[in-house]
């Protein structure tokens, strides 16, 4: 028995040493498992007549896109199991009592709590009371994190260990929500097999209050932000330009040159819907900028998206 115990102890130490090298930094641990990217699509963006689309036209274009027709399933052949992965948790829309109790659970069950208000690139799990269009939730979706319902914490306490995550992913509770929140809940598993923005090389045209949020979402999803403010001197190698039509320096964006180079120019509100629906041609048409004249008005971008804004301003419903 002593011999067996000694061998098991040595094996356990070797396993721990293999998984977490002594002195390794968080960046080292993350780089050991590089993010998987979804296959990039090479569809050519369609062109409309260059005129700003009305809200009714937007609804007509994307109205027939139904989440029931989309595949949000996850294959069973993921290379890293939950048991083998170190858990880095973030919380969203949780009560103060739940936040204060959470570190105690981590001390018992294992894992690391990341209390940042913004998304942390180390995050592997997000426990969210409801879907949201804020930077933290959208980044977690784009990064393919495991997004869990708060009942996961209750079940874990009852079982005395981390519960089976598959039973508590937020998409399973989508019927608790309505409208766009329901669609976001369903999409919480959409990018688990490949980050949402792999292959995207982006320039941003927006105010400083939005730069951090959108940079965070794009990079969390495997994309790269090359330029954030004018002067826009790098026009080669760009795949997408994200435009805030309310931005004061929007006219400094060389839209004509970008379009000539085949760059997809879209309004910022395209990003949350892209995370839900993916590369749908009708969705792209609804938000695409195909002419510099479209930057004069912003009627289509003013339509309400609901939930928490990713531009730093809460919706009217939140202010109540």
C-alpha atoms as a PDB file:
ATOM      1  CA  UNK A   1       0.000   0.000   0.000  1.00  0.00           C
ATOM      2  CA  UNK A   2       2.857   2.380   0.822  1.00  0.00           C
ATOM      3  CA  UNK A   3       4.420   1.668  -2.585  1.00  0.00           C
ATOM      4  CA  UNK A   4       1.155   2.330  -4.398  1.00  0.00           C
ATOM      5  CA  UNK A   5       0.561   5.527  -2.454  1.00  0.00           C
ATOM      6  CA  UNK A   6       4.066   6.731  -3.269  1.00  0.00           C
ATOM      7  CA  UNK A   7       3.602   6.045  -6.958  1.00  0.00           C
ATOM      8  CA  UNK A   8       0.242   7.812  -6.998  1.00  0.00           C
ATOM      9  CA  UNK A   9       1.735  10.793  -5.204  1.00  0.00           C
ATOM     10  CA  UNK A  10       4.581  11.017  -7.683  1.00  0.00           C
ATOM     11  CA  UNK A  11       2.172  10.663 -10.605  1.00  0.00           C
ATOM     12  CA  UNK A  12      -0.026  13.408  -9.203  1.00  0.00           C
ATOM     13  CA  UNK A  13       2.936  15.760  -8.798  1.00  0.00           C
ATOM     14  CA  UNK A  14       4.114  15.003 -12.326  1.00  0.00           C
ATOM     15  CA  UNK A  15       0.641  15.658 -13.712  1.00  0.00           C
ATOM     16  CA  UNK A  16       0.393  18.985 -11.912  1.00  0.00           C
ATOM     17  CA  UNK A  17       3.870  19.978 -13.024  1.00  0.00           C
ATOM     18  CA  UNK A  18       2.987  19.122 -16.608  1.00  0.00           C
ATOM     19  CA  UNK A  19      -0.232  21.134 -16.606  1.00  0.00           C
ATOM     20  CA  UNK A  20       1.144  24.175 -14.843  1.00  0.00           C
ATOM     21  CA  UNK A  21       4.904  24.689 -15.230  1.00  0.00           C
ATOM     22  CA  UNK A  22       6.475  26.315 -12.213  1.00  0.00           C
ATOM     23  CA  UNK A  23       6.939  30.021 -12.735  1.00  0.00           C
ATOM     24  CA  UNK A  24       4.734  30.087 -15.834  1.00  0.00           C
ATOM     25  CA  UNK A  25       2.762  33.258 -16.355  1.00  0.00           C
ATOM     26  CA  UNK A  26      -0.913  33.478 -17.329  1.00  0.00           C
ATOM     27  CA  UNK A  27       0.134  34.403 -20.853  1.00  0.00           C
ATOM     28  CA  UNK A  28       2.324  31.289 -21.050  1.00  0.00           C
ATOM     29  CA  UNK A  29      -0.546  29.066 -19.951  1.00  0.00           C
ATOM     30  CA  UNK A  30      -2.906  30.599 -22.467  1.00  0.00           C
ATOM     31  CA  UNK A  31      -0.444  30.411 -25.349  1.00  0.00           C
ATOM     32  CA  UNK A  32      -0.020  26.693 -24.724  1.00  0.00           C
ATOM     33  CA  UNK A  33      -3.532  26.254 -26.120  1.00  0.00           C
ATOM     34  CA  UNK A  34      -3.851  28.739 -28.984  1.00  0.00           C
ATOM     35  CA  UNK A  35      -7.409  29.814 -29.911  1.00  0.00           C
ATOM     36  CA  UNK A  36      -9.160  27.932 -32.641  1.00  0.00           C
ATOM     37  CA  UNK A  37     -10.571  30.000 -35.443  1.00  0.00           C
ATOM     38  CA  UNK A  38     -13.685  29.278 -37.408  1.00  0.00           C
ATOM     39  CA  UNK A  39     -13.178  28.876 -41.155  1.00  0.00           C
ATOM     40  CA  UNK A  40     -13.311  32.289 -42.752  1.00  0.00           C
ATOM     41  CA  UNK A  41     -15.898  32.981 -45.412  1.00  0.00           C
ATOM     42  CA  UNK A  42     -14.900  34.584 -48.671  1.00  0.00           C
ATOM     43  CA  UNK A  43     -18.319  35.798 -49.728  1.00  0.00           C
ATOM     44  CA  UNK A  44     -18.268  39.053 -51.651  1.00  0.00           C
ATOM     45  CA  UNK A  45     -20.348  41.763 -49.961  1.00  0.00           C
ATOM     46  CA  UNK A  46     -23.340  42.864 -51.962  1.00  0.00           C
ATOM     47  CA  UNK A  47     -23.893  46.446 -52.954  1.00  0.00           C
ATOM     48  CA  UNK A  48     -27.070  48.430 -52.602  1.00  0.00           C
ATOM     49  CA  UNK A  49     -27.855  51.670 -54.357  1.00  0.00           C
ATOM     50  CA  UNK A  50     -25.680  53.712 -51.982  1.00  0.00           C
ATOM     51  CA  UNK A  51     -28.621  55.316 -50.213  1.00  0.00           C
ATOM     52  CA  UNK A  52     -29.198  55.219 -46.486  1.00  0.00           C
ATOM     53  CA  UNK A  53     -31.659  52.437 -45.666  1.00  0.00           C
ATOM     54  CA  UNK A  54     -34.788  53.191 -43.698  1.00  0.00           C
ATOM     55  CA  UNK A  55     -35.698  51.323 -40.516  1.00  0.00           C
ATOM     56  CA  UNK A  56     -38.449  49.533 -42.428  1.00  0.00           C
ATOM     57  CA  UNK A  57     -35.972  48.372 -45.067  1.00  0.00           C
ATOM     58  CA  UNK A  58     -33.706  47.025 -42.348  1.00  0.00           C
ATOM     59  CA  UNK A  59     -36.594  45.077 -40.845  1.00  0.00           C
ATOM     60  CA  UNK A  60     -37.568  43.742 -44.259  1.00  0.00           C
ATOM     61  CA  UNK A  61     -34.012  42.572 -44.939  1.00  0.00           C
ATOM     62  CA  UNK A  62     -33.387  40.719 -41.692  1.00  0.00           C
ATOM     63  CA  UNK A  63     -36.941  39.992 -40.628  1.00  0.00           C
ATOM     64  CA  UNK A  64     -36.964  36.509 -42.121  1.00  0.00           C
ATOM     65  CA  UNK A  65     -33.742  35.434 -40.392  1.00  0.00           C
ATOM     66  CA  UNK A  66     -34.869  33.118 -37.618  1.00  0.00           C
ATOM     67  CA  UNK A  67     -32.665  31.674 -34.904  1.00  0.00           C
ATOM     68  CA  UNK A  68     -34.692  28.461 -35.128  1.00  0.00           C
ATOM     69  CA  UNK A  69     -33.068  27.888 -38.532  1.00  0.00           C
ATOM     70  CA  UNK A  70     -29.537  28.399 -37.263  1.00  0.00           C
ATOM     71  CA  UNK A  71     -27.243  25.712 -35.904  1.00  0.00           C
ATOM     72  CA  UNK A  72     -26.077  26.539 -32.378  1.00  0.00           C
ATOM     73  CA  UNK A  73     -25.071  22.966 -31.569  1.00  0.00           C
ATOM     74  CA  UNK A  74     -21.660  21.954 -30.238  1.00  0.00           C
ATOM     75  CA  UNK A  75     -19.839  18.874 -31.460  1.00  0.00           C
ATOM     76  CA  UNK A  76     -18.685  16.229 -29.014  1.00  0.00           C
ATOM     77  CA  UNK A  77     -15.078  16.132 -30.210  1.00  0.00           C
ATOM     78  CA  UNK A  78     -13.653  19.132 -28.358  1.00  0.00           C
ATOM     79  CA  UNK A  79     -10.000  18.450 -27.586  1.00  0.00           C
ATOM     80  CA  UNK A  80      -9.964  20.043 -24.118  1.00  0.00           C
ATOM     81  CA  UNK A  81     -12.461  18.718 -21.596  1.00  0.00           C
ATOM     82  CA  UNK A  82     -13.871  20.826 -18.778  1.00  0.00           C
ATOM     83  CA  UNK A  83     -12.042  18.714 -16.190  1.00  0.00           C
ATOM     84  CA  UNK A  84      -8.675  19.382 -17.849  1.00  0.00           C
ATOM     85  CA  UNK A  85      -9.172  23.133 -18.229  1.00  0.00           C
ATOM     86  CA  UNK A  86      -8.351  25.597 -15.488  1.00  0.00           C
ATOM     87  CA  UNK A  87     -11.412  27.719 -14.802  1.00  0.00           C
ATOM     88  CA  UNK A  88     -11.235  31.510 -14.944  1.00  0.00           C
ATOM     89  CA  UNK A  89     -14.629  32.950 -13.992  1.00  0.00           C
ATOM     90  CA  UNK A  90     -16.295  36.282 -14.629  1.00  0.00           C
ATOM     91  CA  UNK A  91     -19.776  37.363 -13.485  1.00  0.00           C
ATOM     92  CA  UNK A  92     -22.386  39.463 -15.279  1.00  0.00           C
ATOM     93  CA  UNK A  93     -25.628  41.006 -13.945  1.00  0.00           C
ATOM     94  CA  UNK A  94     -25.300  39.117 -10.654  1.00  0.00           C
ATOM     95  CA  UNK A  95     -26.513  40.382  -7.267  1.00  0.00           C
ATOM     96  CA  UNK A  96     -24.091  41.744  -4.691  1.00  0.00           C
ATOM     97  CA  UNK A  97     -24.813  38.764  -2.441  1.00  0.00           C
ATOM     98  CA  UNK A  98     -23.909  36.354  -5.226  1.00  0.00           C
ATOM     99  CA  UNK A  99     -20.723  38.263  -5.984  1.00  0.00           C
ATOM    100  CA  UNK A 100     -19.615  38.216  -2.330  1.00  0.00           C
ATOM    101  CA  UNK A 101     -20.316  34.491  -1.980  1.00  0.00           C
ATOM    102  CA  UNK A 102     -18.586  33.467  -5.181  1.00  0.00           C
ATOM    103  CA  UNK A 103     -14.938  33.674  -3.974  1.00  0.00           C
ATOM    104  CA  UNK A 104     -15.813  31.248  -1.164  1.00  0.00           C
ATOM    105  CA  UNK A 105     -17.062  28.723  -3.699  1.00  0.00           C
ATOM    106  CA  UNK A 106     -13.861  29.081  -5.684  1.00  0.00           C
ATOM    107  CA  UNK A 107     -11.836  28.415  -2.547  1.00  0.00           C
ATOM    108  CA  UNK A 108     -13.653  25.115  -2.099  1.00  0.00           C
ATOM    109  CA  UNK A 109     -14.163  23.922  -5.685  1.00  0.00           C
ATOM    110  CA  UNK A 110     -11.176  25.537  -7.388  1.00  0.00           C
ATOM    111  CA  UNK A 111     -10.890  28.233 -10.021  1.00  0.00           C
ATOM    112  CA  UNK A 112      -9.938  31.892 -10.346  1.00  0.00           C
ATOM    113  CA  UNK A 113     -12.278  34.878 -10.111  1.00  0.00           C
ATOM    114  CA  UNK A 114     -11.689  37.784 -12.510  1.00  0.00           C
ATOM    115  CA  UNK A 115     -13.631  40.737 -11.012  1.00  0.00           C
ATOM    116  CA  UNK A 116     -12.899  43.223 -13.807  1.00  0.00           C
ATOM    117  CA  UNK A 117     -15.803  45.268 -15.193  1.00  0.00           C
ATOM    118  CA  UNK A 118     -14.445  44.633 -18.697  1.00  0.00           C
ATOM    119  CA  UNK A 119     -13.762  41.299 -20.328  1.00  0.00           C
ATOM    120  CA  UNK A 120     -10.486  39.637 -19.353  1.00  0.00           C
ATOM    121  CA  UNK A 121      -8.758  37.596 -22.085  1.00  0.00           C
ATOM    122  CA  UNK A 122      -8.079  34.817 -19.559  1.00  0.00           C
ATOM    123  CA  UNK A 123     -11.796  34.223 -19.002  1.00  0.00           C
ATOM    124  CA  UNK A 124     -13.019  30.689 -19.693  1.00  0.00           C
ATOM    125  CA  UNK A 125     -16.418  30.877 -17.949  1.00  0.00           C
ATOM    126  CA  UNK A 126     -18.993  33.666 -17.650  1.00  0.00           C
ATOM    127  CA  UNK A 127     -21.906  33.258 -15.248  1.00  0.00           C
ATOM    128  CA  UNK A 128     -24.639  35.638 -16.437  1.00  0.00           C
ATOM    129  CA  UNK A 129     -28.089  36.243 -15.013  1.00  0.00           C
ATOM    130  CA  UNK A 130     -29.237  37.450 -18.408  1.00  0.00           C
ATOM    131  CA  UNK A 131     -27.813  38.123 -21.879  1.00  0.00           C
ATOM    132  CA  UNK A 132     -26.571  41.632 -22.494  1.00  0.00           C
ATOM    133  CA  UNK A 133     -25.188  43.713 -25.319  1.00  0.00           C
ATOM    134  CA  UNK A 134     -22.382  45.056 -23.182  1.00  0.00           C
ATOM    135  CA  UNK A 135     -18.677  44.549 -23.802  1.00  0.00           C
ATOM    136  CA  UNK A 136     -18.204  41.735 -21.286  1.00  0.00           C
ATOM    137  CA  UNK A 137     -21.020  39.500 -22.527  1.00  0.00           C
ATOM    138  CA  UNK A 138     -20.407  40.061 -26.243  1.00  0.00           C
ATOM    139  CA  UNK A 139     -16.676  39.448 -25.775  1.00  0.00           C
ATOM    140  CA  UNK A 140     -17.404  36.175 -23.971  1.00  0.00           C
ATOM    141  CA  UNK A 141     -19.675  35.072 -26.835  1.00  0.00           C
ATOM    142  CA  UNK A 142     -17.093  36.073 -29.456  1.00  0.00           C
ATOM    143  CA  UNK A 143     -14.303  34.274 -27.586  1.00  0.00           C
ATOM    144  CA  UNK A 144     -16.282  31.044 -27.277  1.00  0.00           C
ATOM    145  CA  UNK A 145     -16.340  31.083 -23.473  1.00  0.00           C
ATOM    146  CA  UNK A 146     -18.664  28.790 -21.554  1.00  0.00           C
ATOM    147  CA  UNK A 147     -21.592  31.041 -20.607  1.00  0.00           C
ATOM    148  CA  UNK A 148     -23.612  29.619 -17.746  1.00  0.00           C
ATOM    149  CA  UNK A 149     -26.922  30.342 -15.994  1.00  0.00           C
ATOM    150  CA  UNK A 150     -26.740  31.240 -12.250  1.00  0.00           C
ATOM    151  CA  UNK A 151     -28.511  27.968 -11.421  1.00  0.00           C
ATOM    152  CA  UNK A 152     -25.133  26.373 -12.171  1.00  0.00           C
ATOM    153  CA  UNK A 153     -23.812  27.877  -8.933  1.00  0.00           C
ATOM    154  CA  UNK A 154     -26.815  26.626  -6.961  1.00  0.00           C
ATOM    155  CA  UNK A 155     -26.404  23.106  -8.332  1.00  0.00           C
ATOM    156  CA  UNK A 156     -22.679  23.160  -7.578  1.00  0.00           C
ATOM    157  CA  UNK A 157     -23.305  24.115  -3.945  1.00  0.00           C
ATOM    158  CA  UNK A 158     -25.846  21.308  -3.587  1.00  0.00           C
ATOM    159  CA  UNK A 159     -23.476  18.754  -5.111  1.00  0.00           C
ATOM    160  CA  UNK A 160     -20.409  19.953  -3.227  1.00  0.00           C
ATOM    161  CA  UNK A 161     -18.443  20.269  -6.469  1.00  0.00           C
ATOM    162  CA  UNK A 162     -18.678  21.979  -9.831  1.00  0.00           C
ATOM    163  CA  UNK A 163     -21.830  20.682 -11.516  1.00  0.00           C
ATOM    164  CA  UNK A 164     -21.976  19.342 -15.067  1.00  0.00           C
ATOM    165  CA  UNK A 165     -21.753  22.498 -17.193  1.00  0.00           C
ATOM    166  CA  UNK A 166     -23.610  21.035 -20.167  1.00  0.00           C
ATOM    167  CA  UNK A 167     -26.882  21.184 -18.235  1.00  0.00           C
ATOM    168  CA  UNK A 168     -26.528  24.873 -17.342  1.00  0.00           C
ATOM    169  CA  UNK A 169     -25.348  26.648 -20.501  1.00  0.00           C
ATOM    170  CA  UNK A 170     -27.356  29.824 -20.991  1.00  0.00           C
ATOM    171  CA  UNK A 171     -28.906  28.682 -24.282  1.00  0.00           C
ATOM    172  CA  UNK A 172     -30.848  26.040 -22.346  1.00  0.00           C
ATOM    173  CA  UNK A 173     -32.608  28.849 -20.484  1.00  0.00           C
ATOM    174  CA  UNK A 174     -33.368  30.985 -23.538  1.00  0.00           C
ATOM    175  CA  UNK A 175     -37.120  30.743 -22.977  1.00  0.00           C
ATOM    176  CA  UNK A 176     -36.688  32.816 -19.795  1.00  0.00           C
ATOM    177  CA  UNK A 177     -35.935  35.816 -22.005  1.00  0.00           C
ATOM    178  CA  UNK A 178     -37.716  37.607 -24.820  1.00  0.00           C
ATOM    179  CA  UNK A 179     -36.813  39.306 -28.101  1.00  0.00           C
ATOM    180  CA  UNK A 180     -33.157  40.046 -28.722  1.00  0.00           C
ATOM    181  CA  UNK A 181     -32.150  38.793 -25.269  1.00  0.00           C
ATOM    182  CA  UNK A 182     -33.585  35.391 -26.157  1.00  0.00           C
ATOM    183  CA  UNK A 183     -31.580  35.298 -29.388  1.00  0.00           C
ATOM    184  CA  UNK A 184     -28.402  36.313 -27.544  1.00  0.00           C
ATOM    185  CA  UNK A 185     -28.960  33.528 -25.038  1.00  0.00           C
ATOM    186  CA  UNK A 186     -29.270  30.999 -27.875  1.00  0.00           C
ATOM    187  CA  UNK A 187     -26.119  32.365 -29.487  1.00  0.00           C
ATOM    188  CA  UNK A 188     -24.090  31.922 -26.288  1.00  0.00           C
ATOM    189  CA  UNK A 189     -22.778  28.600 -27.650  1.00  0.00           C
ATOM    190  CA  UNK A 190     -22.513  29.593 -31.309  1.00  0.00           C
ATOM    191  CA  UNK A 191     -18.767  30.332 -31.343  1.00  0.00           C
ATOM    192  CA  UNK A 192     -17.522  27.592 -29.027  1.00  0.00           C
ATOM    193  CA  UNK A 193     -15.684  25.803 -31.840  1.00  0.00           C
ATOM    194  CA  UNK A 194     -14.015  28.847 -33.351  1.00  0.00           C
ATOM    195  CA  UNK A 195     -13.685  32.467 -32.362  1.00  0.00           C
ATOM    196  CA  UNK A 196     -16.051  34.871 -34.090  1.00  0.00           C
ATOM    197  CA  UNK A 197     -13.609  37.336 -35.667  1.00  0.00           C
ATOM    198  CA  UNK A 198     -10.654  35.185 -36.681  1.00  0.00           C
ATOM    199  CA  UNK A 199      -9.149  36.637 -39.856  1.00  0.00           C
ATOM    200  CA  UNK A 200     -10.683  40.082 -39.311  1.00  0.00           C
ATOM    201  CA  UNK A 201      -8.213  42.985 -39.620  1.00  0.00           C
ATOM    202  CA  UNK A 202     -10.157  46.041 -38.563  1.00  0.00           C
ATOM    203  CA  UNK A 203     -10.026  49.804 -38.456  1.00  0.00           C
ATOM    204  CA  UNK A 204     -12.379  51.680 -36.136  1.00  0.00           C
ATOM    205  CA  UNK A 205     -14.054  55.012 -36.778  1.00  0.00           C
ATOM    206  CA  UNK A 206     -15.713  55.961 -33.509  1.00  0.00           C
ATOM    207  CA  UNK A 207     -15.481  58.199 -30.471  1.00  0.00           C
ATOM    208  CA  UNK A 208     -12.986  57.474 -27.684  1.00  0.00           C
ATOM    209  CA  UNK A 209     -15.776  56.244 -25.399  1.00  0.00           C
ATOM    210  CA  UNK A 210     -16.474  53.352 -27.773  1.00  0.00           C
ATOM    211  CA  UNK A 211     -12.940  52.433 -28.827  1.00  0.00           C
ATOM    212  CA  UNK A 212     -12.104  50.342 -25.760  1.00  0.00           C
ATOM    213  CA  UNK A 213     -15.369  48.404 -25.885  1.00  0.00           C
ATOM    214  CA  UNK A 214     -15.245  47.513 -29.574  1.00  0.00           C
ATOM    215  CA  UNK A 215     -11.522  46.817 -29.502  1.00  0.00           C
ATOM    216  CA  UNK A 216     -12.191  44.412 -26.657  1.00  0.00           C
ATOM    217  CA  UNK A 217     -14.966  42.582 -28.503  1.00  0.00           C
ATOM    218  CA  UNK A 218     -13.008  42.238 -31.748  1.00  0.00           C
ATOM    219  CA  UNK A 219      -9.771  41.063 -30.117  1.00  0.00           C
ATOM    220  CA  UNK A 220     -11.623  38.668 -27.790  1.00  0.00           C
ATOM    221  CA  UNK A 221     -13.059  37.082 -30.930  1.00  0.00           C
ATOM    222  CA  UNK A 222      -9.621  36.565 -32.476  1.00  0.00           C
ATOM    223  CA  UNK A 223      -9.611  39.689 -34.670  1.00  0.00           C
ATOM    224  CA  UNK A 224      -6.984  42.402 -34.907  1.00  0.00           C
ATOM    225  CA  UNK A 225      -7.567  46.147 -34.625  1.00  0.00           C
ATOM    226  CA  UNK A 226      -5.022  47.986 -36.784  1.00  0.00           C
ATOM    227  CA  UNK A 227      -6.175  51.606 -36.466  1.00  0.00           C
ATOM    228  CA  UNK A 228      -8.544  53.335 -34.090  1.00  0.00           C
ATOM    229  CA  UNK A 229      -8.489  57.031 -34.987  1.00  0.00           C
ATOM    230  CA  UNK A 230      -7.520  59.303 -37.895  1.00  0.00           C
ATOM    231  CA  UNK A 231      -5.384  59.822 -39.808  1.00  0.00           C
ATOM    232  CA  UNK A 232      -6.145  56.491 -41.455  1.00  0.00           C
ATOM    233  CA  UNK A 233      -2.863  55.790 -43.198  1.00  0.00           C
ATOM    234  CA  UNK A 234      -2.927  51.973 -43.371  1.00  0.00           C
ATOM    235  CA  UNK A 235      -5.404  50.815 -45.990  1.00  0.00           C
ATOM    236  CA  UNK A 236      -3.754  47.599 -47.135  1.00  0.00           C
ATOM    237  CA  UNK A 237      -4.564  44.290 -45.506  1.00  0.00           C
ATOM    238  CA  UNK A 238      -7.777  45.642 -43.988  1.00  0.00           C
ATOM    239  CA  UNK A 239     -10.803  43.335 -44.094  1.00  0.00           C
ATOM    240  CA  UNK A 240     -13.395  45.384 -42.199  1.00  0.00           C
ATOM    241  CA  UNK A 241     -14.044  49.001 -41.262  1.00  0.00           C
ATOM    242  CA  UNK A 242     -16.460  49.622 -38.388  1.00  0.00           C
ATOM    243  CA  UNK A 243     -18.113  53.036 -38.623  1.00  0.00           C
ATOM    244  CA  UNK A 244     -20.039  54.972 -36.023  1.00  0.00           C
ATOM    245  CA  UNK A 245     -22.163  57.291 -38.158  1.00  0.00           C
ATOM    246  CA  UNK A 246     -22.554  59.615 -35.180  1.00  0.00           C
ATOM    247  CA  UNK A 247     -18.794  60.082 -34.875  1.00  0.00           C
ATOM    248  CA  UNK A 248     -17.602  63.679 -35.291  1.00  0.00           C
ATOM    249  CA  UNK A 249     -14.666  62.720 -37.557  1.00  0.00           C
ATOM    250  CA  UNK A 250     -16.518  60.111 -39.655  1.00  0.00           C
ATOM    251  CA  UNK A 251     -15.810  62.105 -42.827  1.00  0.00           C
ATOM    252  CA  UNK A 252     -12.077  61.499 -42.338  1.00  0.00           C
ATOM    253  CA  UNK A 253     -12.614  57.806 -43.035  1.00  0.00           C
ATOM    254  CA  UNK A 254     -11.621  57.141 -46.679  1.00  0.00           C
ATOM    255  CA  UNK A 255     -14.760  55.157 -47.477  1.00  0.00           C
ATOM    256  CA  UNK A 256     -14.320  55.316 -51.255  1.00  0.00           C
ATOM    257  CA  UNK A 257     -10.738  54.024 -51.069  1.00  0.00           C
ATOM    258  CA  UNK A 258     -11.722  51.251 -48.659  1.00  0.00           C
ATOM    259  CA  UNK A 259     -14.592  50.126 -50.857  1.00  0.00           C
ATOM    260  CA  UNK A 260     -12.302  50.165 -53.885  1.00  0.00           C
ATOM    261  CA  UNK A 261      -9.914  47.887 -51.989  1.00  0.00           C
ATOM    262  CA  UNK A 262     -12.734  45.450 -51.226  1.00  0.00           C
ATOM    263  CA  UNK A 263     -12.950  46.302 -47.518  1.00  0.00           C
ATOM    264  CA  UNK A 264     -16.294  45.519 -45.884  1.00  0.00           C
ATOM    265  CA  UNK A 265     -17.531  48.769 -44.310  1.00  0.00           C
ATOM    266  CA  UNK A 266     -20.319  48.306 -41.775  1.00  0.00           C
ATOM    267  CA  UNK A 267     -21.997  50.268 -39.032  1.00  0.00           C
ATOM    268  CA  UNK A 268     -21.117  49.317 -35.471  1.00  0.00           C
ATOM    269  CA  UNK A 269     -24.526  47.844 -34.717  1.00  0.00           C
ATOM    270  CA  UNK A 270     -23.676  45.026 -37.128  1.00  0.00           C
ATOM    271  CA  UNK A 271     -21.397  43.403 -34.527  1.00  0.00           C
ATOM    272  CA  UNK A 272     -23.996  42.217 -31.945  1.00  0.00           C
ATOM    273  CA  UNK A 273     -26.291  40.864 -34.661  1.00  0.00           C
ATOM    274  CA  UNK A 274     -23.359  39.175 -36.419  1.00  0.00           C
ATOM    275  CA  UNK A 275     -22.604  37.301 -33.186  1.00  0.00           C
ATOM    276  CA  UNK A 276     -26.184  36.018 -33.187  1.00  0.00           C
ATOM    277  CA  UNK A 277     -26.735  35.268 -36.874  1.00  0.00           C
ATOM    278  CA  UNK A 278     -23.240  34.921 -38.338  1.00  0.00           C
ATOM    279  CA  UNK A 279     -22.401  35.795 -41.950  1.00  0.00           C
ATOM    280  CA  UNK A 280     -25.900  36.258 -43.309  1.00  0.00           C
ATOM    281  CA  UNK A 281     -26.025  38.209 -46.566  1.00  0.00           C
ATOM    282  CA  UNK A 282     -29.275  39.960 -45.675  1.00  0.00           C
ATOM    283  CA  UNK A 283     -27.863  41.053 -42.342  1.00  0.00           C
ATOM    284  CA  UNK A 284     -24.770  42.466 -44.030  1.00  0.00           C
ATOM    285  CA  UNK A 285     -26.933  44.427 -46.448  1.00  0.00           C
ATOM    286  CA  UNK A 286     -28.823  46.005 -43.561  1.00  0.00           C
ATOM    287  CA  UNK A 287     -25.711  47.516 -41.979  1.00  0.00           C
ATOM    288  CA  UNK A 288     -23.297  47.872 -44.881  1.00  0.00           C
ATOM    289  CA  UNK A 289     -21.875  51.257 -45.887  1.00  0.00           C
ATOM    290  CA  UNK A 290     -21.551  51.304 -49.669  1.00  0.00           C
ATOM    291  CA  UNK A 291     -21.153  55.021 -50.295  1.00  0.00           C
ATOM    292  CA  UNK A 292     -19.611  58.028 -48.463  1.00  0.00           C
ATOM    293  CA  UNK A 293     -23.029  59.697 -48.670  1.00  0.00           C
ATOM    294  CA  UNK A 294     -24.379  57.179 -46.165  1.00  0.00           C
ATOM    295  CA  UNK A 295     -22.333  58.811 -43.428  1.00  0.00           C
ATOM    296  CA  UNK A 296     -24.435  61.967 -43.675  1.00  0.00           C
ATOM    297  CA  UNK A 297     -27.340  60.393 -41.772  1.00  0.00           C
ATOM    298  CA  UNK A 298     -27.611  57.555 -39.309  1.00  0.00           C
ATOM    299  CA  UNK A 299     -31.245  56.473 -39.409  1.00  0.00           C
ATOM    300  CA  UNK A 300     -30.568  52.745 -39.508  1.00  0.00           C
ATOM    301  CA  UNK A 301     -28.079  52.898 -36.642  1.00  0.00           C
ATOM    302  CA  UNK A 302     -30.582  54.651 -34.405  1.00  0.00           C
ATOM    303  CA  UNK A 303     -32.840  51.639 -34.177  1.00  0.00           C
ATOM    304  CA  UNK A 304     -32.990  50.257 -30.661  1.00  0.00           C
ATOM    305  CA  UNK A 305     -30.908  47.197 -29.910  1.00  0.00           C
ATOM    306  CA  UNK A 306     -32.102  46.780 -26.343  1.00  0.00           C
ATOM    307  CA  UNK A 307     -30.065  45.623 -23.358  1.00  0.00           C
ATOM    308  CA  UNK A 308     -26.932  47.362 -22.143  1.00  0.00           C
ATOM    309  CA  UNK A 309     -25.284  49.587 -24.706  1.00  0.00           C
ATOM    310  CA  UNK A 310     -21.752  48.839 -25.816  1.00  0.00           C
ATOM    311  CA  UNK A 311     -21.047  52.505 -26.380  1.00  0.00           C
ATOM    312  CA  UNK A 312     -21.004  53.303 -22.683  1.00  0.00           C
ATOM    313  CA  UNK A 313     -24.536  54.739 -22.501  1.00  0.00           C
ATOM    314  CA  UNK A 314     -27.336  52.747 -20.851  1.00  0.00           C
ATOM    315  CA  UNK A 315     -30.669  52.355 -22.593  1.00  0.00           C
ATOM    316  CA  UNK A 316     -33.753  54.231 -21.390  1.00  0.00           C
ATOM    317  CA  UNK A 317     -35.025  51.021 -19.810  1.00  0.00           C
ATOM    318  CA  UNK A 318     -31.839  50.763 -17.726  1.00  0.00           C
ATOM    319  CA  UNK A 319     -32.055  54.305 -16.457  1.00  0.00           C
ATOM    320  CA  UNK A 320     -35.407  53.615 -14.768  1.00  0.00           C
END
